[in-house]
Protein backbone atom coordinates (compact mmCIF):
# COMPACT_ATOMS: atom_id res chain seq x y z
CA MET A 1 35.36 -15.62 5.46
CA ASN A 2 31.65 -15.15 6.09
CA THR A 3 30.24 -12.83 3.42
CA THR A 4 26.74 -12.77 4.93
CA ARG A 5 27.86 -11.31 8.24
CA GLY A 6 26.13 -7.95 7.64
CA PHE A 7 22.83 -9.44 6.48
CA PRO A 8 21.46 -10.40 9.92
CA ARG A 9 21.70 -6.74 10.97
CA LEU A 10 19.97 -5.63 7.78
CA THR A 11 17.31 -8.30 8.29
CA GLN A 12 16.76 -7.12 11.88
CA ALA A 13 16.47 -3.50 10.75
CA LEU A 14 13.98 -4.40 8.02
CA ALA A 15 12.00 -6.58 10.43
CA CYS A 16 11.66 -3.48 12.57
CA TRP A 17 10.43 -1.37 9.63
CA ASN A 18 6.80 -0.25 9.96
CA TRP A 19 5.48 0.16 6.41
CA LYS A 20 2.12 1.51 7.56
CA CYS A 21 3.71 4.50 9.26
CA ALA A 22 6.18 5.02 6.42
CA LEU A 23 3.33 5.36 3.94
CA LEU A 24 1.20 7.63 6.11
CA SER A 25 4.07 9.79 7.35
CA ALA A 26 5.43 10.50 3.87
CA ALA A 27 2.02 11.65 2.65
CA VAL A 28 0.98 13.65 5.70
CA ARG A 29 4.31 15.32 6.52
CA SER A 30 4.76 16.45 2.91
CA ALA A 31 1.29 17.98 3.00
CA VAL A 32 2.09 19.72 6.31
CA TYR A 33 5.28 21.17 4.81
CA LEU A 34 3.40 22.35 1.72
CA ALA A 35 0.69 23.98 3.83
CA ALA A 36 3.23 25.63 6.15
CA MET A 37 5.11 27.01 3.15
CA ALA A 38 2.03 28.24 1.27
CA HIS A 39 3.47 31.74 0.83
CA GLY A 40 6.87 30.64 -0.52
CA GLY A 41 7.71 30.31 -4.19
CA PRO A 42 6.57 27.17 -6.03
CA HIS A 43 10.15 25.95 -6.56
CA SER A 44 11.03 26.14 -2.86
CA ARG A 45 7.81 24.34 -1.90
CA SER A 46 8.30 21.52 -4.35
CA ALA A 47 11.97 21.03 -3.44
CA VAL A 48 11.23 20.88 0.28
CA ALA A 49 8.24 18.58 -0.25
CA ALA A 50 10.27 16.29 -2.53
CA VAL A 51 13.10 16.01 -0.02
CA GLU A 52 10.60 15.47 2.77
CA MET A 53 8.67 12.79 0.91
CA GLY A 54 11.81 10.92 -0.14
CA TYR A 55 13.51 11.12 3.24
CA VAL A 56 10.39 10.28 5.23
CA ALA A 57 9.42 7.41 2.92
CA LEU A 58 12.83 5.86 3.54
CA THR A 59 13.13 6.50 7.27
CA ALA A 60 9.66 6.83 8.83
CA GLY A 61 9.16 3.09 8.80
CA LEU A 62 12.39 2.58 10.71
CA TRP A 63 11.56 5.29 13.25
CA ALA A 64 8.07 3.82 13.76
CA GLY A 65 9.60 0.35 14.05
CA MET A 66 11.84 1.65 16.83
CA GLN A 67 8.78 3.09 18.52
CA GLN A 68 6.97 -0.23 18.17
CA LYS A 69 9.94 -2.07 19.72
CA ALA A 70 10.02 0.48 22.58
CA LEU A 71 6.48 -0.59 23.54
CA GLY A 72 8.03 -3.85 24.72
CA LEU A 73 10.46 -2.24 27.18
CA ARG A 74 10.03 -3.47 30.74
CA SER A 75 9.47 0.04 31.98
CA ARG A 76 6.25 1.37 30.45
CA TRP A 77 7.34 4.90 31.38
CA LEU A 78 10.66 4.51 29.53
CA GLY A 79 8.86 3.04 26.51
CA ASN A 80 6.51 6.03 26.46
CA VAL A 81 9.45 8.47 26.62
CA VAL A 82 11.22 6.67 23.77
CA VAL A 83 8.05 6.68 21.63
CA ALA A 84 6.92 10.24 22.39
CA VAL A 85 10.22 12.12 22.87
CA VAL A 86 13.44 10.31 21.91
CA VAL A 87 12.51 8.89 18.50
CA PRO A 88 10.62 12.02 17.29
CA SER A 89 13.49 14.27 18.41
CA LEU A 90 16.07 12.17 16.58
CA SER A 91 13.80 12.03 13.55
CA GLN A 92 13.37 15.82 13.48
CA LEU A 93 17.10 16.41 13.88
CA MET A 94 17.91 14.03 11.02
CA ASP A 95 15.14 15.56 8.91
CA TRP A 96 16.58 19.05 9.42
CA LEU A 97 20.09 17.83 8.54
CA VAL A 98 18.88 16.10 5.37
CA HIS A 99 17.03 19.23 4.22
CA ARG A 100 20.12 21.32 4.89
CA ALA A 101 22.41 18.91 3.05
CA ALA A 102 20.02 18.84 0.08
CA GLY A 103 19.88 22.63 -0.04
CA ALA A 104 16.12 22.54 0.43
CA THR A 105 15.80 24.09 3.85
CA ALA A 106 12.37 25.07 5.01
CA PRO A 107 11.71 28.53 6.41
CA PRO A 108 11.69 28.76 10.22
CA ARG A 109 7.89 28.99 10.36
CA ALA A 110 7.51 25.75 8.43
CA THR A 111 10.08 24.07 10.65
CA VAL A 112 8.19 25.13 13.79
CA VAL A 113 4.87 23.94 12.33
CA VAL A 114 6.38 20.56 11.45
CA CYS A 115 7.97 20.22 14.93
CA VAL A 116 4.60 20.90 16.60
CA PHE A 117 2.94 18.45 14.20
CA THR A 118 5.63 15.85 15.01
CA ALA A 119 5.08 16.26 18.76
CA LEU A 120 1.31 15.83 18.44
CA SER A 121 1.77 13.01 15.96
CA ALA A 122 4.14 11.19 18.32
CA LEU A 123 1.63 11.45 21.17
CA PHE A 124 -1.16 10.18 18.92
CA HIS A 125 1.11 7.42 17.63
CA LEU A 126 1.81 6.34 21.23
CA HIS A 127 -1.93 6.40 21.98
CA ALA A 128 -2.75 4.36 18.85
CA MET A 129 0.07 1.84 19.25
CA ARG A 130 -0.79 1.21 22.92
CA ARG A 131 -4.24 0.25 21.62
CA GLY A 132 -2.88 -2.09 18.94
CA ALA A 133 -3.30 0.15 15.89
CA PHE A 134 -0.71 0.94 13.21
CA LEU A 135 1.53 -1.90 14.31
CA THR A 136 3.13 -4.26 11.84
CA GLY A 137 3.46 -7.99 12.27
CA HIS A 138 0.30 -8.35 14.37
CA GLY A 139 -2.20 -9.44 11.74
CA CYS A 140 -4.18 -6.18 11.46
CA SER A 141 -4.48 -4.69 8.01
CA LEU A 142 -4.12 -1.01 7.24
CA ALA A 143 -7.87 -0.98 6.51
CA ASP A 144 -8.53 -2.36 10.03
CA ASP A 145 -6.35 0.41 11.45
CA PHE A 146 -8.24 3.07 9.48
CA ARG A 147 -11.56 1.73 10.81
CA GLN A 148 -10.24 2.39 14.33
CA VAL A 149 -9.21 6.00 13.59
CA PRO A 150 -12.47 7.73 14.69
CA ARG A 151 -12.40 5.91 18.04
CA LEU A 152 -8.67 6.52 18.43
CA LEU A 153 -9.02 10.23 17.64
CA ALA A 154 -11.92 10.61 20.08
CA GLY A 155 -9.97 8.83 22.80
CA PHE A 156 -6.88 10.92 22.10
CA VAL A 157 -8.75 14.22 22.18
CA LEU A 158 -10.75 13.29 25.31
CA ARG A 159 -7.78 11.79 27.19
CA PRO A 160 -6.59 15.08 28.79
CA ALA A 161 -10.10 15.69 30.17
CA ALA A 162 -10.26 12.12 31.48
CA MET A 163 -6.85 12.50 33.15
CA VAL A 164 -7.99 15.68 34.91
CA SER A 165 -11.43 14.42 35.89
CA ALA A 166 -10.34 10.99 37.19
CA PRO A 167 -8.49 12.30 40.28
CA ALA A 168 -11.32 14.76 40.97
CA PHE A 169 -13.84 11.92 40.73
CA ARG A 170 -11.78 9.72 43.10
CA LEU A 171 -11.46 12.61 45.58
CA ALA A 172 -15.21 13.27 45.48
CA ARG A 173 -15.92 9.56 46.00
CA THR A 174 -13.50 9.44 48.97
CA VAL A 175 -15.13 12.49 50.56
CA GLU A 176 -18.59 10.97 50.03
CA SER A 177 -17.57 7.70 51.67
CA ARG A 178 -16.13 9.51 54.70
CA VAL A 179 -19.27 11.64 55.12
CA ALA A 180 -21.60 8.66 54.82
């Protein structure tokens, strides 16, 4: 009988764990919950934040590891959907279930705020990971990742404008070349 049969799966799961995102997610998501629940009683805020911090600290690294693995899918489009939609949706569902089971449910407004934050965070995470930041196992330190944050944020914020202006620029260039 092989008693180590389950360990390769555990080793694979831990190899997928992204400690950088676990650390950042636990701190930031707890702060978002606290801010969204600013008008609730102190006991409800602390219970929700404690559940959030504990749950996210344990699971965010695994979710981010799944996102990191999805970057390697053959279809870039499918990888993007997994990173920006599938993993965050599963994470939010599990988060809601854990809060409910712990009896520390957040008010609807806080839940909506955290869902919006998660959606924006997932898009930023995709943007950052596609540029090599906040990945584990690639030799970059967390300090290196933080040094990239201003550039990453600027690129993330300016990306919608670039996506809109690029086709317009190509169209204008095509019209110019036909006129000339």
